[in-house]
Amino acid sequence: MSLYEADELRRIADLIDRFPKFIRRDRGSTSVPNTIADILERHDIQNPALVDDLVQLTEDYRQTVATYYERQFSQ
């Protein structure tokens, strides 16, 4: 992943309510997809494809963060 892509993911993440929760995958009583769908519904958006894309984005970002820290501490 390039620096540009990581910066773009951070920019998008800033737009998502409670995004760090999804990075950590602290699901609590509601799943990540359901929480994202609830957030979108508060903005009158009901789009299952968008929910899927955002879930994948959070997973990609989570993996990017995990890889970064693994590389930092494995040296």
C-alpha atoms as a PDB file:
ATOM      1  CA  MET A   1       0.000   0.000   0.000  1.00  0.00           C
ATOM      2  CA  SER A   2       1.400   3.368  -0.953  1.00  0.00           C
ATOM      3  CA  LEU A   3       1.631   6.370   1.326  1.00  0.00           C
ATOM      4  CA  TYR A   4      -1.047   8.062  -0.797  1.00  0.00           C
ATOM      5  CA  GLU A   5      -3.448   5.147  -0.257  1.00  0.00           C
ATOM      6  CA  ALA A   6      -2.789   5.167   3.489  1.00  0.00           C
ATOM      7  CA  ASP A   7      -3.430   8.926   3.616  1.00  0.00           C
ATOM      8  CA  GLU A   8      -6.621   8.480   1.634  1.00  0.00           C
ATOM      9  CA  LEU A   9      -7.784   5.743   4.022  1.00  0.00           C
ATOM     10  CA  ARG A  10      -7.101   8.051   6.976  1.00  0.00           C
ATOM     11  CA  ARG A  11      -9.094  10.840   5.310  1.00  0.00           C
ATOM     12  CA  ILE A  12     -12.033   8.512   4.736  1.00  0.00           C
ATOM     13  CA  ALA A  13     -11.725   7.097   8.247  1.00  0.00           C
ATOM     14  CA  ASP A  14     -12.095  10.590   9.679  1.00  0.00           C
ATOM     15  CA  LEU A  15     -15.491  10.778   8.008  1.00  0.00           C
ATOM     16  CA  ILE A  16     -16.795   7.644   9.692  1.00  0.00           C
ATOM     17  CA  ASP A  17     -18.294   7.965  13.144  1.00  0.00           C
ATOM     18  CA  ARG A  18     -16.377   5.955  15.774  1.00  0.00           C
ATOM     19  CA  PHE A  19     -14.020   4.554  13.125  1.00  0.00           C
ATOM     20  CA  PRO A  20     -11.289   3.408  15.554  1.00  0.00           C
ATOM     21  CA  LYS A  21     -13.785   1.011  17.081  1.00  0.00           C
ATOM     22  CA  PHE A  22     -13.946  -0.791  13.755  1.00  0.00           C
ATOM     23  CA  ILE A  23     -10.180  -0.880  13.434  1.00  0.00           C
ATOM     24  CA  ARG A  24      -9.897  -2.657  16.776  1.00  0.00           C
ATOM     25  CA  ARG A  25     -12.927  -4.793  15.971  1.00  0.00           C
ATOM     26  CA  ASP A  26     -14.449  -4.114  19.394  1.00  0.00           C
ATOM     27  CA  ARG A  27     -17.814  -5.262  18.220  1.00  0.00           C
ATOM     28  CA  GLY A  28     -19.629  -5.259  21.498  1.00  0.00           C
ATOM     29  CA  SER A  29     -23.247  -6.277  21.169  1.00  0.00           C
ATOM     30  CA  THR A  30     -23.603  -5.099  17.543  1.00  0.00           C
ATOM     31  CA  SER A  31     -21.634  -6.388  14.569  1.00  0.00           C
ATOM     32  CA  VAL A  32     -19.469  -4.051  12.501  1.00  0.00           C
ATOM     33  CA  PRO A  33     -21.757  -4.294   9.422  1.00  0.00           C
ATOM     34  CA  ASN A  34     -24.855  -3.565  11.506  1.00  0.00           C
ATOM     35  CA  THR A  35     -23.178  -0.622  13.222  1.00  0.00           C
ATOM     36  CA  ILE A  36     -22.107   0.843   9.873  1.00  0.00           C
ATOM     37  CA  ALA A  37     -25.628   0.334   8.493  1.00  0.00           C
ATOM     38  CA  ASP A  38     -27.082   2.109  11.550  1.00  0.00           C
ATOM     39  CA  ILE A  39     -24.707   5.052  11.054  1.00  0.00           C
ATOM     40  CA  LEU A  40     -25.655   5.327   7.386  1.00  0.00           C
ATOM     41  CA  GLU A  41     -29.367   5.104   8.207  1.00  0.00           C
ATOM     42  CA  ARG A  42     -28.990   8.116  10.521  1.00  0.00           C
ATOM     43  CA  HIS A  43     -27.969   9.975   7.359  1.00  0.00           C
ATOM     44  CA  ASP A  44     -30.888   8.518   5.366  1.00  0.00           C
ATOM     45  CA  ILE A  45     -28.608   6.175   3.413  1.00  0.00           C
ATOM     46  CA  GLN A  46     -29.708   2.592   2.919  1.00  0.00           C
ATOM     47  CA  ASN A  47     -27.226   0.915   0.629  1.00  0.00           C
ATOM     48  CA  PRO A  48     -26.085  -2.666   1.379  1.00  0.00           C
ATOM     49  CA  ALA A  49     -23.285  -2.434  -1.213  1.00  0.00           C
ATOM     50  CA  LEU A  50     -21.916   0.662   0.514  1.00  0.00           C
ATOM     51  CA  VAL A  51     -22.030  -1.132   3.859  1.00  0.00           C
ATOM     52  CA  ASP A  52     -20.031  -4.010   2.347  1.00  0.00           C
ATOM     53  CA  ASP A  53     -17.499  -1.589   0.860  1.00  0.00           C
ATOM     54  CA  LEU A  54     -17.069   0.227   4.179  1.00  0.00           C
ATOM     55  CA  VAL A  55     -16.676  -3.040   6.069  1.00  0.00           C
ATOM     56  CA  GLN A  56     -13.952  -4.049   3.602  1.00  0.00           C
ATOM     57  CA  LEU A  57     -12.332  -0.621   3.931  1.00  0.00           C
ATOM     58  CA  THR A  58     -12.181  -0.950   7.711  1.00  0.00           C
ATOM     59  CA  GLU A  59     -10.676  -4.430   7.379  1.00  0.00           C
ATOM     60  CA  ASP A  60      -8.085  -3.202   4.873  1.00  0.00           C
ATOM     61  CA  TYR A  61      -7.199  -0.311   7.144  1.00  0.00           C
ATOM     62  CA  ARG A  62      -7.011  -2.586  10.177  1.00  0.00           C
ATOM     63  CA  GLN A  63      -4.639  -4.866   8.274  1.00  0.00           C
ATOM     64  CA  THR A  64      -2.516  -1.878   7.225  1.00  0.00           C
ATOM     65  CA  VAL A  65      -2.206  -0.753  10.841  1.00  0.00           C
ATOM     66  CA  ALA A  66      -1.390  -4.293  12.003  1.00  0.00           C
ATOM     67  CA  THR A  67       1.280  -4.698   9.323  1.00  0.00           C
ATOM     68  CA  TYR A  68       2.820  -1.350  10.232  1.00  0.00           C
ATOM     69  CA  TYR A  69       3.168  -2.274  13.894  1.00  0.00           C
ATOM     70  CA  GLU A  70       4.386  -5.781  13.127  1.00  0.00           C
ATOM     71  CA  ARG A  71       7.176  -4.281  11.007  1.00  0.00           C
ATOM     72  CA  GLN A  72       8.017  -1.677  13.659  1.00  0.00           C
ATOM     73  CA  PHE A  73       8.442  -4.251  16.428  1.00  0.00           C
ATOM     74  CA  SER A  74      10.010  -7.066  14.414  1.00  0.00           C
ATOM     75  CA  GLN A  75      13.221  -5.150  13.695  1.00  0.00           C
END
